[in-house]
Amino acid sequence: MPLVEHLRELRNRLAKGILAIAAVTVVALVYSEELMQFLTRSVPTCANGVVSNGGNCAIVSFNTLMAPFSTTIQVSLTAGLVVASPVWLYQLWAFVAPGLHKKEKKYTYAFVAAAVPLFGAGAYLAYLILPISVKVLISLTPEGSANILSLGDVLDFTLRMVLVFGLAFELPLVLVMLNLTGVLSGRRMARWWRGVIMGVFVFGAVITPTTDPVGMIALAGPITLLYLAAVGFSLLNDRRRDRNNPDAELSDDEASSLDLTPEPVPAARPLPEQATGDSDGTRAHRTGGYDDIT
């Protein structure tokens, strides 16, 4: 296919993806108020007549004149990107897929089939622990002070937590893909288990803003289990690969054994002159295609 045809196809597929995002964004604009209430549900807002004092509740507000407009556009556009992701991801895949081999397509299908549920599980877990995180942060407010939170900051915090948890759940899948491609062995991953588990818990303690261990365990516990599952899968895959490879146990610096037993070489077919004599008939008697003297 010429370069112009490739560019034309890319333009058409980008247009389809952008149209899908725009359509969902318009629908999200209609329900933007419901979306913002859903995303800020983790904040313990103050009831009518209740004053925010000492971290018992918070008041969600807009701090600038343009904040309501910009926040509404941000929420609607984010909803458009997420809800329309099957459409624009398919358009991207349809453009790239013709240049991939059959094995690469198989790995891509498996990666997507596992990545989407894992990301969804991480995002759902983040949404579950968000109320705990917000309550702990608000409880640090001293007496006599009020919590007036910007809606934009609350939405940014919510989206950041969802993205971090979702991407963190993809770590075991990345390890499995590295093992399937032969970059990382299961034995090496198993040797790293102490450092990986320690790093996961440190990451959970840093990324979750709560001072209690609930948020840290809620993130580090599932990732640790997924890591152990990835190690088990990689060990089984290495064993299967070794069974199909007779030289798997050889070291990279070890030479393989060679069979130096000589094999008989079949005799070459004699030329007509060797079999029946020279063309002038002076040597008519030959044995096995050679002269008598040999």
C-alpha atoms as a PDB file:
ATOM      1  CA  MET A   1       0.000   0.000   0.000  1.00  0.00           C
ATOM      2  CA  PRO A   2       1.461   3.430  -0.916  1.00  0.00           C
ATOM      3  CA  LEU A   3       2.298   5.974   1.764  1.00  0.00           C
ATOM      4  CA  VAL A   4      -0.586   8.213   0.703  1.00  0.00           C
ATOM      5  CA  GLU A   5      -3.048   5.346   1.259  1.00  0.00           C
ATOM      6  CA  HIS A   6      -1.602   4.735   4.733  1.00  0.00           C
ATOM      7  CA  LEU A   7      -1.983   8.396   5.624  1.00  0.00           C
ATOM      8  CA  ARG A   8      -5.530   8.444   4.275  1.00  0.00           C
ATOM      9  CA  GLU A   9      -6.440   5.375   6.331  1.00  0.00           C
ATOM     10  CA  LEU A  10      -4.858   6.913   9.444  1.00  0.00           C
ATOM     11  CA  ARG A  11      -6.858  10.095   8.894  1.00  0.00           C
ATOM     12  CA  ASN A  12     -10.125   8.178   8.544  1.00  0.00           C
ATOM     13  CA  ARG A  13      -9.543   6.101  11.647  1.00  0.00           C
ATOM     14  CA  LEU A  14      -8.509   9.120  13.711  1.00  0.00           C
ATOM     15  CA  ALA A  15     -11.654  10.885  12.557  1.00  0.00           C
ATOM     16  CA  LYS A  16     -13.825   7.950  13.669  1.00  0.00           C
ATOM     17  CA  GLY A  17     -12.157   7.858  17.092  1.00  0.00           C
ATOM     18  CA  ILE A  18     -12.477  11.631  17.585  1.00  0.00           C
ATOM     19  CA  LEU A  19     -16.126  11.562  16.547  1.00  0.00           C
ATOM     20  CA  ALA A  20     -16.847   8.810  19.084  1.00  0.00           C
ATOM     21  CA  ILE A  21     -15.102  10.793  21.852  1.00  0.00           C
ATOM     22  CA  ALA A  22     -16.966  13.963  20.874  1.00  0.00           C
ATOM     23  CA  ALA A  23     -20.343  12.189  20.872  1.00  0.00           C
ATOM     24  CA  VAL A  24     -19.807  10.711  24.339  1.00  0.00           C
ATOM     25  CA  THR A  25     -18.469  14.035  25.621  1.00  0.00           C
ATOM     26  CA  VAL A  26     -21.663  15.811  24.504  1.00  0.00           C
ATOM     27  CA  VAL A  27     -23.784  13.226  26.318  1.00  0.00           C
ATOM     28  CA  ALA A  28     -21.563  13.601  29.414  1.00  0.00           C
ATOM     29  CA  LEU A  29     -22.086  17.364  29.336  1.00  0.00           C
ATOM     30  CA  VAL A  30     -25.812  16.767  29.766  1.00  0.00           C
ATOM     31  CA  TYR A  31     -25.185  14.604  32.828  1.00  0.00           C
ATOM     32  CA  SER A  32     -22.135  16.497  34.096  1.00  0.00           C
ATOM     33  CA  GLU A  33     -23.750  17.349  37.434  1.00  0.00           C
ATOM     34  CA  GLU A  34     -24.488  13.669  38.143  1.00  0.00           C
ATOM     35  CA  LEU A  35     -20.935  12.742  37.135  1.00  0.00           C
ATOM     36  CA  MET A  36     -19.399  15.297  39.484  1.00  0.00           C
ATOM     37  CA  GLN A  37     -21.588  14.098  42.336  1.00  0.00           C
ATOM     38  CA  PHE A  38     -20.462  10.534  41.624  1.00  0.00           C
ATOM     39  CA  LEU A  39     -16.780  11.490  41.613  1.00  0.00           C
ATOM     40  CA  THR A  40     -17.036  13.592  44.788  1.00  0.00           C
ATOM     41  CA  ARG A  41     -19.078  11.059  46.727  1.00  0.00           C
ATOM     42  CA  SER A  42     -16.011  10.140  48.772  1.00  0.00           C
ATOM     43  CA  VAL A  43     -15.925  13.604  50.383  1.00  0.00           C
ATOM     44  CA  PRO A  44     -17.984  13.832  53.610  1.00  0.00           C
ATOM     45  CA  THR A  45     -19.841  17.019  52.731  1.00  0.00           C
ATOM     46  CA  CYS A  46     -21.490  19.071  55.432  1.00  0.00           C
ATOM     47  CA  ALA A  47     -25.261  18.855  55.797  1.00  0.00           C
ATOM     48  CA  ASN A  48     -27.485  21.908  55.924  1.00  0.00           C
ATOM     49  CA  GLY A  49     -26.799  23.904  59.067  1.00  0.00           C
ATOM     50  CA  VAL A  50     -23.603  21.993  59.891  1.00  0.00           C
ATOM     51  CA  VAL A  51     -20.378  24.005  60.046  1.00  0.00           C
ATOM     52  CA  SER A  52     -17.098  22.504  58.856  1.00  0.00           C
ATOM     53  CA  ASN A  53     -14.970  22.680  61.974  1.00  0.00           C
ATOM     54  CA  GLY A  54     -12.086  20.495  63.023  1.00  0.00           C
ATOM     55  CA  GLY A  55     -12.282  17.930  60.233  1.00  0.00           C
ATOM     56  CA  ASN A  56     -15.815  16.645  60.780  1.00  0.00           C
ATOM     57  CA  CYS A  57     -16.871  17.435  57.184  1.00  0.00           C
ATOM     58  CA  ALA A  58     -15.893  19.529  54.157  1.00  0.00           C
ATOM     59  CA  ILE A  59     -17.473  22.092  51.872  1.00  0.00           C
ATOM     60  CA  VAL A  60     -16.846  21.585  48.154  1.00  0.00           C
ATOM     61  CA  SER A  61     -16.618  24.872  46.304  1.00  0.00           C
ATOM     62  CA  PHE A  62     -15.352  26.638  43.184  1.00  0.00           C
ATOM     63  CA  ASN A  63     -12.523  29.058  43.844  1.00  0.00           C
ATOM     64  CA  THR A  64     -12.480  30.990  40.568  1.00  0.00           C
ATOM     65  CA  LEU A  65     -15.031  32.381  38.168  1.00  0.00           C
ATOM     66  CA  MET A  66     -14.041  30.015  35.349  1.00  0.00           C
ATOM     67  CA  ALA A  67     -13.791  26.967  37.621  1.00  0.00           C
ATOM     68  CA  PRO A  68     -17.360  25.683  37.032  1.00  0.00           C
ATOM     69  CA  PHE A  69     -16.914  25.803  33.255  1.00  0.00           C
ATOM     70  CA  SER A  70     -13.410  24.298  33.161  1.00  0.00           C
ATOM     71  CA  THR A  71     -14.297  21.559  35.656  1.00  0.00           C
ATOM     72  CA  THR A  72     -17.409  20.598  33.694  1.00  0.00           C
ATOM     73  CA  ILE A  73     -15.403  20.373  30.450  1.00  0.00           C
ATOM     74  CA  GLN A  74     -12.694  18.341  32.175  1.00  0.00           C
ATOM     75  CA  VAL A  75     -15.131  15.838  33.649  1.00  0.00           C
ATOM     76  CA  SER A  76     -17.086  15.486  30.393  1.00  0.00           C
ATOM     77  CA  LEU A  77     -13.955  15.052  28.277  1.00  0.00           C
ATOM     78  CA  THR A  78     -12.555  12.459  30.678  1.00  0.00           C
ATOM     79  CA  ALA A  79     -15.833  10.546  30.513  1.00  0.00           C
ATOM     80  CA  GLY A  80     -15.695  10.738  26.714  1.00  0.00           C
ATOM     81  CA  LEU A  81     -12.167   9.301  26.609  1.00  0.00           C
ATOM     82  CA  VAL A  82     -13.033   6.460  28.992  1.00  0.00           C
ATOM     83  CA  VAL A  83     -16.447   5.478  27.621  1.00  0.00           C
ATOM     84  CA  ALA A  84     -15.383   5.776  23.971  1.00  0.00           C
ATOM     85  CA  SER A  85     -12.117   3.891  24.568  1.00  0.00           C
ATOM     86  CA  PRO A  86     -13.375   0.683  22.868  1.00  0.00           C
ATOM     87  CA  VAL A  87     -14.001   2.639  19.661  1.00  0.00           C
ATOM     88  CA  TRP A  88     -10.742   4.587  19.400  1.00  0.00           C
ATOM     89  CA  LEU A  89      -8.665   1.661  20.673  1.00  0.00           C
ATOM     90  CA  TYR A  90     -10.220  -0.556  17.993  1.00  0.00           C
ATOM     91  CA  GLN A  91      -9.431   2.050  15.327  1.00  0.00           C
ATOM     92  CA  LEU A  92      -5.823   2.167  16.523  1.00  0.00           C
ATOM     93  CA  TRP A  93      -5.627  -1.628  16.517  1.00  0.00           C
ATOM     94  CA  ALA A  94      -7.183  -1.893  13.040  1.00  0.00           C
ATOM     95  CA  PHE A  95      -4.501   0.452  11.702  1.00  0.00           C
ATOM     96  CA  VAL A  96      -1.583  -1.412  13.316  1.00  0.00           C
ATOM     97  CA  ALA A  97      -2.802  -5.023  13.004  1.00  0.00           C
ATOM     98  CA  PRO A  98      -2.073  -5.564   9.262  1.00  0.00           C
ATOM     99  CA  GLY A  99       1.644  -5.061   9.943  1.00  0.00           C
ATOM    100  CA  LEU A 100       1.821  -7.655  12.741  1.00  0.00           C
ATOM    101  CA  HIS A 101       2.608 -11.344  12.496  1.00  0.00           C
ATOM    102  CA  LYS A 102       0.158 -14.001  13.648  1.00  0.00           C
ATOM    103  CA  LYS A 103       2.094 -14.652  16.882  1.00  0.00           C
ATOM    104  CA  GLU A 104       2.271 -10.943  17.685  1.00  0.00           C
ATOM    105  CA  LYS A 105      -1.487 -10.621  17.183  1.00  0.00           C
ATOM    106  CA  LYS A 106      -2.058 -13.536  19.548  1.00  0.00           C
ATOM    107  CA  TYR A 107       0.054 -11.902  22.261  1.00  0.00           C
ATOM    108  CA  THR A 108      -1.751  -8.587  21.743  1.00  0.00           C
ATOM    109  CA  TYR A 109      -5.180 -10.195  22.122  1.00  0.00           C
ATOM    110  CA  ALA A 110      -4.073 -11.965  25.308  1.00  0.00           C
ATOM    111  CA  PHE A 111      -2.541  -8.771  26.722  1.00  0.00           C
ATOM    112  CA  VAL A 112      -5.680  -6.701  26.104  1.00  0.00           C
ATOM    113  CA  ALA A 113      -7.975  -9.432  27.438  1.00  0.00           C
ATOM    114  CA  ALA A 114      -6.033  -9.479  30.717  1.00  0.00           C
ATOM    115  CA  ALA A 115      -5.164  -5.766  30.951  1.00  0.00           C
ATOM    116  CA  VAL A 116      -8.723  -4.428  30.820  1.00  0.00           C
ATOM    117  CA  PRO A 117     -10.083  -6.491  33.783  1.00  0.00           C
ATOM    118  CA  LEU A 118      -6.948  -5.814  35.832  1.00  0.00           C
ATOM    119  CA  PHE A 119      -7.171  -2.071  35.267  1.00  0.00           C
ATOM    120  CA  GLY A 120     -10.880  -2.141  36.084  1.00  0.00           C
ATOM    121  CA  ALA A 121     -10.216  -4.048  39.313  1.00  0.00           C
ATOM    122  CA  GLY A 122      -7.554  -1.546  40.360  1.00  0.00           C
ATOM    123  CA  ALA A 123      -9.802   1.415  39.567  1.00  0.00           C
ATOM    124  CA  TYR A 124     -12.691  -0.118  41.489  1.00  0.00           C
ATOM    125  CA  LEU A 125     -10.455  -0.788  44.493  1.00  0.00           C
ATOM    126  CA  ALA A 126      -9.265   2.827  44.418  1.00  0.00           C
ATOM    127  CA  TYR A 127     -12.849   4.060  44.407  1.00  0.00           C
ATOM    128  CA  LEU A 128     -13.629   1.832  47.403  1.00  0.00           C
ATOM    129  CA  ILE A 129     -10.798   3.145  49.568  1.00  0.00           C
ATOM    130  CA  LEU A 130     -11.193   6.787  48.500  1.00  0.00           C
ATOM    131  CA  PRO A 131     -13.685   7.581  51.318  1.00  0.00           C
ATOM    132  CA  ILE A 132     -11.234   6.204  53.881  1.00  0.00           C
ATOM    133  CA  SER A 133      -8.384   8.271  52.434  1.00  0.00           C
ATOM    134  CA  VAL A 134     -10.430  11.460  52.355  1.00  0.00           C
ATOM    135  CA  LYS A 135     -11.721  11.009  55.904  1.00  0.00           C
ATOM    136  CA  VAL A 136      -8.216  10.455  57.231  1.00  0.00           C
ATOM    137  CA  LEU A 137      -6.902  13.550  55.462  1.00  0.00           C
ATOM    138  CA  ILE A 138      -9.793  15.714  56.642  1.00  0.00           C
ATOM    139  CA  SER A 139      -9.416  14.455  60.215  1.00  0.00           C
ATOM    140  CA  LEU A 140      -6.010  16.146  60.374  1.00  0.00           C
ATOM    141  CA  THR A 141      -7.694  19.576  60.283  1.00  0.00           C
ATOM    142  CA  PRO A 142      -7.168  21.344  63.634  1.00  0.00           C
ATOM    143  CA  GLU A 143     -10.041  22.650  65.717  1.00  0.00           C
ATOM    144  CA  GLY A 144     -11.320  26.033  64.664  1.00  0.00           C
ATOM    145  CA  SER A 145     -10.412  25.514  61.008  1.00  0.00           C
ATOM    146  CA  ALA A 146     -12.855  24.759  58.185  1.00  0.00           C
ATOM    147  CA  ASN A 147     -12.336  22.473  55.191  1.00  0.00           C
ATOM    148  CA  ILE A 148     -13.270  24.283  51.976  1.00  0.00           C
ATOM    149  CA  LEU A 149     -12.159  22.043  49.121  1.00  0.00           C
ATOM    150  CA  SER A 150     -11.913  23.007  45.487  1.00  0.00           C
ATOM    151  CA  LEU A 151     -13.980  20.695  43.290  1.00  0.00           C
ATOM    152  CA  GLY A 152     -11.200  20.628  40.730  1.00  0.00           C
ATOM    153  CA  ASP A 153      -8.709  19.421  43.353  1.00  0.00           C
ATOM    154  CA  VAL A 154     -11.107  16.710  44.515  1.00  0.00           C
ATOM    155  CA  LEU A 155     -11.606  15.473  40.960  1.00  0.00           C
ATOM    156  CA  ASP A 156      -7.857  15.530  40.263  1.00  0.00           C
ATOM    157  CA  PHE A 157      -7.210  13.532  43.430  1.00  0.00           C
ATOM    158  CA  THR A 158      -9.900  10.988  42.511  1.00  0.00           C
ATOM    159  CA  LEU A 159      -8.657  10.516  38.952  1.00  0.00           C
ATOM    160  CA  ARG A 160      -5.048  10.254  40.108  1.00  0.00           C
ATOM    161  CA  MET A 161      -5.895   7.533  42.603  1.00  0.00           C
ATOM    162  CA  VAL A 162      -7.912   5.604  40.028  1.00  0.00           C
ATOM    163  CA  LEU A 163      -5.132   5.788  37.433  1.00  0.00           C
ATOM    164  CA  VAL A 164      -2.385   4.847  39.902  1.00  0.00           C
ATOM    165  CA  PHE A 165      -4.283   1.835  41.238  1.00  0.00           C
ATOM    166  CA  GLY A 166      -5.282   0.723  37.754  1.00  0.00           C
ATOM    167  CA  LEU A 167      -1.753   0.955  36.371  1.00  0.00           C
ATOM    168  CA  ALA A 168      -0.278  -0.708  39.467  1.00  0.00           C
ATOM    169  CA  PHE A 169      -2.446  -3.756  38.802  1.00  0.00           C
ATOM    170  CA  GLU A 170      -0.799  -4.064  35.364  1.00  0.00           C
ATOM    171  CA  LEU A 171       2.653  -4.816  36.846  1.00  0.00           C
ATOM    172  CA  PRO A 172       2.189  -8.635  37.046  1.00  0.00           C
ATOM    173  CA  LEU A 173       0.884  -8.673  33.480  1.00  0.00           C
ATOM    174  CA  VAL A 174       4.022  -6.881  32.281  1.00  0.00           C
ATOM    175  CA  LEU A 175       6.165  -9.501  34.038  1.00  0.00           C
ATOM    176  CA  VAL A 176       4.214 -12.314  32.359  1.00  0.00           C
ATOM    177  CA  MET A 177       4.660 -10.718  28.930  1.00  0.00           C
ATOM    178  CA  LEU A 178       8.407 -10.353  29.537  1.00  0.00           C
ATOM    179  CA  ASN A 179       8.536 -14.041  30.416  1.00  0.00           C
ATOM    180  CA  LEU A 180       6.566 -15.087  27.340  1.00  0.00           C
ATOM    181  CA  THR A 181       8.949 -13.165  25.106  1.00  0.00           C
ATOM    182  CA  GLY A 182      11.984 -14.754  26.795  1.00  0.00           C
ATOM    183  CA  VAL A 183      13.339 -11.548  28.362  1.00  0.00           C
ATOM    184  CA  LEU A 184      12.784 -12.536  32.016  1.00  0.00           C
ATOM    185  CA  SER A 185      12.750 -16.030  33.491  1.00  0.00           C
ATOM    186  CA  GLY A 186      10.523 -17.242  36.288  1.00  0.00           C
ATOM    187  CA  ARG A 187      13.530 -18.302  38.370  1.00  0.00           C
ATOM    188  CA  ARG A 188      14.910 -14.772  38.301  1.00  0.00           C
ATOM    189  CA  MET A 189      11.540 -13.332  39.333  1.00  0.00           C
ATOM    190  CA  ALA A 190      11.344 -15.851  42.169  1.00  0.00           C
ATOM    191  CA  ARG A 191      14.778 -14.750  43.422  1.00  0.00           C
ATOM    192  CA  TRP A 192      13.556 -11.152  43.560  1.00  0.00           C
ATOM    193  CA  TRP A 193      10.505 -11.860  45.734  1.00  0.00           C
ATOM    194  CA  ARG A 194      11.835 -10.195  48.918  1.00  0.00           C
ATOM    195  CA  GLY A 195      12.787  -6.967  47.203  1.00  0.00           C
ATOM    196  CA  VAL A 196       9.627  -6.875  45.106  1.00  0.00           C
ATOM    197  CA  ILE A 197       7.293  -7.353  48.072  1.00  0.00           C
ATOM    198  CA  MET A 198       9.162  -4.735  50.082  1.00  0.00           C
ATOM    199  CA  GLY A 199       9.017  -2.334  47.131  1.00  0.00           C
ATOM    200  CA  VAL A 200       5.290  -2.971  46.643  1.00  0.00           C
ATOM    201  CA  PHE A 201       4.503  -2.136  50.271  1.00  0.00           C
ATOM    202  CA  VAL A 202       6.711   0.964  50.180  1.00  0.00           C
ATOM    203  CA  PHE A 203       4.969   2.028  46.973  1.00  0.00           C
ATOM    204  CA  GLY A 204       1.580   1.445  48.604  1.00  0.00           C
ATOM    205  CA  ALA A 205       2.577   3.515  51.633  1.00  0.00           C
ATOM    206  CA  VAL A 206       3.820   6.406  49.477  1.00  0.00           C
ATOM    207  CA  ILE A 207       1.024   6.499  46.922  1.00  0.00           C
ATOM    208  CA  THR A 208      -1.853   6.266  49.404  1.00  0.00           C
ATOM    209  CA  PRO A 209      -2.092   9.500  51.402  1.00  0.00           C
ATOM    210  CA  THR A 210      -3.595   7.900  54.494  1.00  0.00           C
ATOM    211  CA  THR A 211      -1.642   7.526  57.713  1.00  0.00           C
ATOM    212  CA  ASP A 212      -3.323   4.228  58.621  1.00  0.00           C
ATOM    213  CA  PRO A 213      -2.260   0.881  57.121  1.00  0.00           C
ATOM    214  CA  VAL A 214      -5.639   0.232  55.491  1.00  0.00           C
ATOM    215  CA  GLY A 215      -4.847   2.022  52.242  1.00  0.00           C
ATOM    216  CA  MET A 216      -1.356   0.574  52.014  1.00  0.00           C
ATOM    217  CA  ILE A 217      -2.552  -3.025  52.540  1.00  0.00           C
ATOM    218  CA  ALA A 218      -5.507  -2.478  50.197  1.00  0.00           C
ATOM    219  CA  LEU A 219      -3.078  -1.663  47.371  1.00  0.00           C
ATOM    220  CA  ALA A 220      -0.027  -3.768  48.249  1.00  0.00           C
ATOM    221  CA  GLY A 221      -1.929  -6.939  49.174  1.00  0.00           C
ATOM    222  CA  PRO A 222      -3.595  -7.585  45.785  1.00  0.00           C
ATOM    223  CA  ILE A 223      -0.458  -6.578  43.867  1.00  0.00           C
ATOM    224  CA  THR A 224       1.604  -9.042  45.927  1.00  0.00           C
ATOM    225  CA  LEU A 225      -0.852 -11.845  45.188  1.00  0.00           C
ATOM    226  CA  LEU A 226      -0.820 -10.969  41.493  1.00  0.00           C
ATOM    227  CA  TYR A 227       2.992 -10.938  41.532  1.00  0.00           C
ATOM    228  CA  LEU A 228       3.113 -14.402  43.091  1.00  0.00           C
ATOM    229  CA  ALA A 229       0.620 -15.621  40.477  1.00  0.00           C
ATOM    230  CA  ALA A 230       2.839 -14.160  37.729  1.00  0.00           C
ATOM    231  CA  VAL A 231       5.880 -15.957  39.195  1.00  0.00           C
ATOM    232  CA  GLY A 232       3.980 -19.265  39.276  1.00  0.00           C
ATOM    233  CA  PHE A 233       2.835 -18.856  35.680  1.00  0.00           C
ATOM    234  CA  SER A 234       6.357 -17.958  34.564  1.00  0.00           C
ATOM    235  CA  LEU A 235       7.873 -21.005  36.285  1.00  0.00           C
ATOM    236  CA  LEU A 236       5.361 -23.306  34.567  1.00  0.00           C
ATOM    237  CA  ASN A 237       6.021 -21.618  31.248  1.00  0.00           C
ATOM    238  CA  ASP A 238       9.795 -22.013  31.703  1.00  0.00           C
ATOM    239  CA  ARG A 239       9.329 -25.712  32.469  1.00  0.00           C
ATOM    240  CA  ARG A 240       7.224 -26.175  29.336  1.00  0.00           C
ATOM    241  CA  ARG A 241       9.803 -24.311  27.276  1.00  0.00           C
ATOM    242  CA  ASP A 242      12.666 -26.423  28.687  1.00  0.00           C
ATOM    243  CA  ARG A 243      10.865 -29.659  27.809  1.00  0.00           C
ATOM    244  CA  ASN A 244      10.699 -28.578  24.180  1.00  0.00           C
ATOM    245  CA  ASN A 245      14.332 -27.439  24.092  1.00  0.00           C
ATOM    246  CA  PRO A 246      16.982 -30.197  24.516  1.00  0.00           C
ATOM    247  CA  ASP A 247      19.737 -27.600  25.037  1.00  0.00           C
ATOM    248  CA  ALA A 248      17.881 -25.646  27.712  1.00  0.00           C
ATOM    249  CA  GLU A 249      20.142 -26.835  30.552  1.00  0.00           C
ATOM    250  CA  LEU A 250      23.323 -25.754  28.779  1.00  0.00           C
ATOM    251  CA  SER A 251      25.079 -22.645  29.961  1.00  0.00           C
ATOM    252  CA  ASP A 252      25.703 -19.808  27.533  1.00  0.00           C
ATOM    253  CA  ASP A 253      29.466 -20.416  27.884  1.00  0.00           C
ATOM    254  CA  GLU A 254      29.236 -24.223  27.641  1.00  0.00           C
ATOM    255  CA  ALA A 255      29.800 -25.930  24.326  1.00  0.00           C
ATOM    256  CA  SER A 256      27.322 -28.573  23.312  1.00  0.00           C
ATOM    257  CA  SER A 257      28.550 -32.147  22.751  1.00  0.00           C
ATOM    258  CA  LEU A 258      29.431 -32.987  19.165  1.00  0.00           C
ATOM    259  CA  ASP A 259      29.199 -36.402  17.496  1.00  0.00           C
ATOM    260  CA  LEU A 260      32.579 -36.887  15.799  1.00  0.00           C
ATOM    261  CA  THR A 261      31.915 -40.425  14.507  1.00  0.00           C
ATOM    262  CA  PRO A 262      32.805 -40.500  10.797  1.00  0.00           C
ATOM    263  CA  GLU A 263      29.978 -41.289   8.480  1.00  0.00           C
ATOM    264  CA  PRO A 264      30.427 -43.218   5.231  1.00  0.00           C
ATOM    265  CA  VAL A 265      30.323 -41.047   2.164  1.00  0.00           C
ATOM    266  CA  PRO A 266      28.465 -42.527  -0.802  1.00  0.00           C
ATOM    267  CA  ALA A 267      30.607 -43.036  -3.882  1.00  0.00           C
ATOM    268  CA  ALA A 268      30.129 -40.556  -6.659  1.00  0.00           C
ATOM    269  CA  ARG A 269      28.694 -41.750  -9.915  1.00  0.00           C
ATOM    270  CA  PRO A 270      31.520 -42.466 -12.385  1.00  0.00           C
ATOM    271  CA  LEU A 271      31.860 -40.433 -15.511  1.00  0.00           C
ATOM    272  CA  PRO A 272      31.191 -42.219 -18.780  1.00  0.00           C
ATOM    273  CA  GLU A 273      34.915 -42.210 -19.577  1.00  0.00           C
ATOM    274  CA  GLN A 274      35.668 -43.763 -16.186  1.00  0.00           C
ATOM    275  CA  ALA A 275      33.089 -46.471 -16.554  1.00  0.00           C
ATOM    276  CA  THR A 276      33.616 -47.483 -20.222  1.00  0.00           C
ATOM    277  CA  GLY A 277      37.039 -46.138 -21.087  1.00  0.00           C
ATOM    278  CA  ASP A 278      38.415 -43.023 -22.718  1.00  0.00           C
ATOM    279  CA  SER A 279      36.798 -41.571 -25.730  1.00  0.00           C
ATOM    280  CA  ASP A 280      39.716 -42.749 -27.904  1.00  0.00           C
ATOM    281  CA  GLY A 281      39.489 -46.284 -26.527  1.00  0.00           C
ATOM    282  CA  THR A 282      43.084 -46.514 -25.286  1.00  0.00           C
ATOM    283  CA  ARG A 283      42.020 -47.398 -21.700  1.00  0.00           C
ATOM    284  CA  ALA A 284      39.078 -49.686 -21.906  1.00  0.00           C
ATOM    285  CA  HIS A 285      39.581 -51.622 -18.663  1.00  0.00           C
ATOM    286  CA  ARG A 286      38.689 -49.740 -15.406  1.00  0.00           C
ATOM    287  CA  THR A 287      37.659 -51.094 -12.009  1.00  0.00           C
ATOM    288  CA  GLY A 288      35.056 -49.199  -9.998  1.00  0.00           C
ATOM    289  CA  GLY A 289      35.475 -46.161 -12.215  1.00  0.00           C
ATOM    290  CA  TYR A 290      39.249 -45.931 -11.690  1.00  0.00           C
ATOM    291  CA  ASP A 291      42.231 -47.047 -13.696  1.00  0.00           C
ATOM    292  CA  ASP A 292      43.780 -50.423 -12.830  1.00  0.00           C
ATOM    293  CA  ILE A 293      46.922 -48.721 -11.568  1.00  0.00           C
ATOM    294  CA  THR A 294      44.957 -46.907  -8.842  1.00  0.00           C
END
